[in-house]
N, C-alpha and C. Protein backbone atom coordinates (compact mmCIF):
# COMPACT_ATOMS: atom_id res chain seq x y z
N LEU A 1 152.35 107.32 62.50
CA LEU A 1 152.31 107.11 61.06
C LEU A 1 151.42 105.92 60.79
N TRP A 2 150.38 106.12 60.04
CA TRP A 2 149.48 105.05 59.64
C TRP A 2 149.80 104.70 58.20
N GLY A 3 149.93 103.41 57.90
CA GLY A 3 150.18 103.01 56.53
C GLY A 3 150.41 101.53 56.39
N CYS A 4 150.47 101.09 55.16
CA CYS A 4 150.75 99.70 54.83
C CYS A 4 152.27 99.57 54.71
N GLU A 5 152.84 98.65 55.46
CA GLU A 5 154.29 98.54 55.56
C GLU A 5 154.97 98.38 54.20
N GLY A 6 154.33 97.69 53.27
CA GLY A 6 154.93 97.45 51.96
C GLY A 6 154.74 98.58 50.96
N SER A 7 154.01 99.60 51.31
CA SER A 7 153.71 100.70 50.38
C SER A 7 154.96 101.54 50.10
N PRO A 8 155.21 101.83 48.81
CA PRO A 8 156.36 102.68 48.49
C PRO A 8 156.17 104.11 49.00
N PHE A 9 154.94 104.56 49.12
CA PHE A 9 154.66 105.91 49.61
C PHE A 9 154.95 106.01 51.11
N VAL A 10 154.56 104.97 51.84
CA VAL A 10 154.83 104.92 53.28
C VAL A 10 156.33 104.80 53.51
N ARG A 11 157.01 104.04 52.67
CA ARG A 11 158.46 103.88 52.81
C ARG A 11 159.17 105.22 52.70
N LEU A 12 158.74 106.06 51.76
CA LEU A 12 159.35 107.39 51.60
C LEU A 12 159.19 108.23 52.87
N VAL A 13 158.02 108.18 53.47
CA VAL A 13 157.78 108.94 54.70
C VAL A 13 158.64 108.37 55.83
N ARG A 14 158.70 107.04 55.94
CA ARG A 14 159.50 106.42 56.99
C ARG A 14 160.98 106.77 56.84
N GLU A 15 161.48 106.75 55.59
CA GLU A 15 162.88 107.11 55.35
C GLU A 15 163.15 108.56 55.73
N ALA A 16 162.21 109.46 55.40
CA ALA A 16 162.39 110.87 55.75
C ALA A 16 162.41 111.05 57.27
N LEU A 17 161.52 110.37 57.97
CA LEU A 17 161.49 110.47 59.43
C LEU A 17 162.79 109.93 60.03
N CYS A 18 163.31 108.84 59.47
CA CYS A 18 164.56 108.27 59.97
C CYS A 18 165.74 109.20 59.69
N CYS A 19 165.79 109.80 58.49
CA CYS A 19 166.88 110.72 58.16
C CYS A 19 166.88 111.93 59.09
N LEU A 20 165.70 112.37 59.47
CA LEU A 20 165.58 113.51 60.39
C LEU A 20 165.70 113.09 61.85
N GLU A 21 165.86 111.79 62.07
CA GLU A 21 165.97 111.21 63.41
C GLU A 21 164.78 111.58 64.29
N LEU A 22 163.59 111.55 63.68
CA LEU A 22 162.36 111.81 64.41
C LEU A 22 161.74 110.49 64.83
N PRO A 23 161.44 110.33 66.10
CA PRO A 23 160.81 109.07 66.53
C PRO A 23 159.36 109.01 66.03
N TYR A 24 158.91 107.82 65.70
CA TYR A 24 157.54 107.64 65.24
C TYR A 24 157.07 106.23 65.57
N VAL A 25 155.77 106.06 65.56
CA VAL A 25 155.15 104.75 65.76
C VAL A 25 154.41 104.42 64.47
N LEU A 26 154.70 103.26 63.90
CA LEU A 26 154.03 102.83 62.67
C LEU A 26 152.82 102.00 63.04
N ARG A 27 151.65 102.45 62.61
CA ARG A 27 150.42 101.67 62.76
C ARG A 27 150.19 101.00 61.42
N ASN A 28 150.54 99.74 61.33
CA ASN A 28 150.44 99.00 60.08
C ASN A 28 148.98 98.68 59.78
N VAL A 29 148.54 99.04 58.57
CA VAL A 29 147.18 98.80 58.13
C VAL A 29 147.25 98.07 56.79
N PRO A 30 147.43 96.74 56.81
CA PRO A 30 147.55 95.99 55.56
C PRO A 30 146.24 96.00 54.76
N HIS A 31 146.37 95.76 53.46
CA HIS A 31 145.19 95.69 52.59
C HIS A 31 144.29 94.55 53.07
N GLY A 32 143.01 94.84 53.19
CA GLY A 32 142.04 93.83 53.59
C GLY A 32 141.90 93.64 55.09
N GLU A 33 142.75 94.27 55.88
CA GLU A 33 142.70 94.13 57.34
C GLU A 33 141.57 95.01 57.87
N VAL A 34 140.75 94.47 58.74
CA VAL A 34 139.54 95.18 59.16
C VAL A 34 139.74 96.02 60.42
N LYS A 35 140.36 95.49 61.45
CA LYS A 35 140.41 96.15 62.76
C LYS A 35 141.06 97.54 62.68
N ASN A 36 142.29 97.62 62.17
CA ASN A 36 142.98 98.91 62.13
C ASN A 36 142.35 99.87 61.13
N ARG A 37 141.81 99.33 60.02
CA ARG A 37 141.15 100.20 59.05
C ARG A 37 139.89 100.83 59.65
N THR A 38 139.15 100.04 60.42
CA THR A 38 137.96 100.56 61.09
C THR A 38 138.35 101.63 62.11
N GLU A 39 139.39 101.36 62.88
CA GLU A 39 139.87 102.33 63.87
C GLU A 39 140.31 103.62 63.18
N PHE A 40 141.02 103.49 62.05
CA PHE A 40 141.48 104.66 61.31
C PHE A 40 140.28 105.49 60.83
N ARG A 41 139.28 104.81 60.23
CA ARG A 41 138.11 105.54 59.72
C ARG A 41 137.35 106.23 60.85
N GLU A 42 137.27 105.60 62.03
CA GLU A 42 136.57 106.22 63.16
C GLU A 42 137.29 107.47 63.64
N LYS A 43 138.63 107.42 63.68
CA LYS A 43 139.40 108.56 64.18
C LYS A 43 139.60 109.66 63.15
N TYR A 44 139.87 109.27 61.90
CA TYR A 44 140.30 110.26 60.90
C TYR A 44 139.46 110.26 59.63
N GLY A 45 138.35 109.56 59.62
CA GLY A 45 137.50 109.50 58.44
C GLY A 45 137.00 110.86 57.98
N HIS A 46 136.82 111.77 58.93
CA HIS A 46 136.34 113.11 58.58
C HIS A 46 137.35 113.88 57.72
N LEU A 47 138.59 113.45 57.69
CA LEU A 47 139.62 114.12 56.89
C LEU A 47 139.66 113.61 55.45
N LEU A 48 139.00 112.47 55.19
CA LEU A 48 139.03 111.86 53.87
C LEU A 48 137.94 112.46 52.98
N SER A 49 138.09 112.28 51.68
CA SER A 49 137.11 112.79 50.74
C SER A 49 135.79 112.03 50.88
N THR A 50 134.73 112.63 50.39
CA THR A 50 133.41 112.00 50.44
C THR A 50 133.41 110.68 49.67
N ALA A 51 134.10 110.66 48.53
CA ALA A 51 134.16 109.44 47.72
C ALA A 51 134.85 108.31 48.47
N ARG A 52 135.96 108.60 49.14
CA ARG A 52 136.66 107.57 49.91
C ARG A 52 135.80 107.07 51.07
N ASN A 53 135.13 107.96 51.74
CA ASN A 53 134.26 107.56 52.85
C ASN A 53 133.09 106.72 52.36
N ALA A 54 132.56 107.04 51.18
CA ALA A 54 131.40 106.31 50.66
C ALA A 54 131.73 104.85 50.39
N VAL A 55 132.95 104.57 49.93
CA VAL A 55 133.32 103.18 49.62
C VAL A 55 134.12 102.54 50.73
N GLY A 56 134.39 103.28 51.81
CA GLY A 56 135.13 102.72 52.93
C GLY A 56 136.62 102.63 52.71
N ALA A 57 137.14 103.42 51.78
CA ALA A 57 138.57 103.40 51.48
C ALA A 57 139.32 104.33 52.44
N VAL A 58 140.59 104.04 52.63
CA VAL A 58 141.45 104.89 53.45
C VAL A 58 142.59 105.40 52.58
N GLN A 59 143.24 106.46 53.01
CA GLN A 59 144.36 107.03 52.27
C GLN A 59 145.61 106.95 53.14
N MET A 60 146.63 106.31 52.60
CA MET A 60 147.88 106.13 53.32
C MET A 60 149.03 106.67 52.48
N PRO A 61 150.08 107.17 53.03
CA PRO A 61 150.37 107.29 54.45
C PRO A 61 149.61 108.45 55.08
N PHE A 62 149.41 108.34 56.36
CA PHE A 62 148.76 109.37 57.15
C PHE A 62 149.65 109.61 58.36
N LEU A 63 150.10 110.83 58.53
CA LEU A 63 151.01 111.17 59.63
C LEU A 63 150.31 112.14 60.56
N ARG A 64 150.31 111.81 61.84
CA ARG A 64 149.73 112.69 62.86
C ARG A 64 150.84 113.10 63.80
N ASP A 65 151.02 114.42 63.94
CA ASP A 65 152.03 114.96 64.86
C ASP A 65 151.36 115.22 66.20
N PRO A 66 151.68 114.42 67.23
CA PRO A 66 151.03 114.60 68.52
C PRO A 66 151.42 115.90 69.23
N ASN A 67 152.55 116.49 68.85
CA ASN A 67 153.00 117.73 69.50
C ASN A 67 152.20 118.94 69.03
N THR A 68 151.85 118.95 67.76
CA THR A 68 151.11 120.09 67.21
C THR A 68 149.66 119.77 66.90
N GLY A 69 149.32 118.47 66.86
CA GLY A 69 147.97 118.06 66.50
C GLY A 69 147.73 118.12 65.01
N MET A 70 148.79 118.30 64.22
CA MET A 70 148.67 118.41 62.77
C MET A 70 148.51 117.03 62.14
N ASP A 71 147.56 116.91 61.21
CA ASP A 71 147.32 115.67 60.47
C ASP A 71 147.72 115.89 59.02
N ILE A 72 148.55 114.98 58.49
CA ILE A 72 149.05 115.12 57.12
C ILE A 72 148.71 113.87 56.34
N LEU A 73 147.95 114.04 55.25
CA LEU A 73 147.62 112.93 54.35
C LEU A 73 148.59 112.90 53.21
């Protein structure tokens, strides 16, 4: 799970994963943080809209299921 820890949208996803007792790893990407945002764009930038890629924005939460390879924005 990629997201900003304080985001209400990420919190909803985290709560759902906890209720379902699904293990997950949170990759925290705070606003203004460069390293993880760059890594996210390199790995998953192709899934973002052209407008988001043009300005270097990311969309959170982003959930990747390693068992199925499914990516959910």
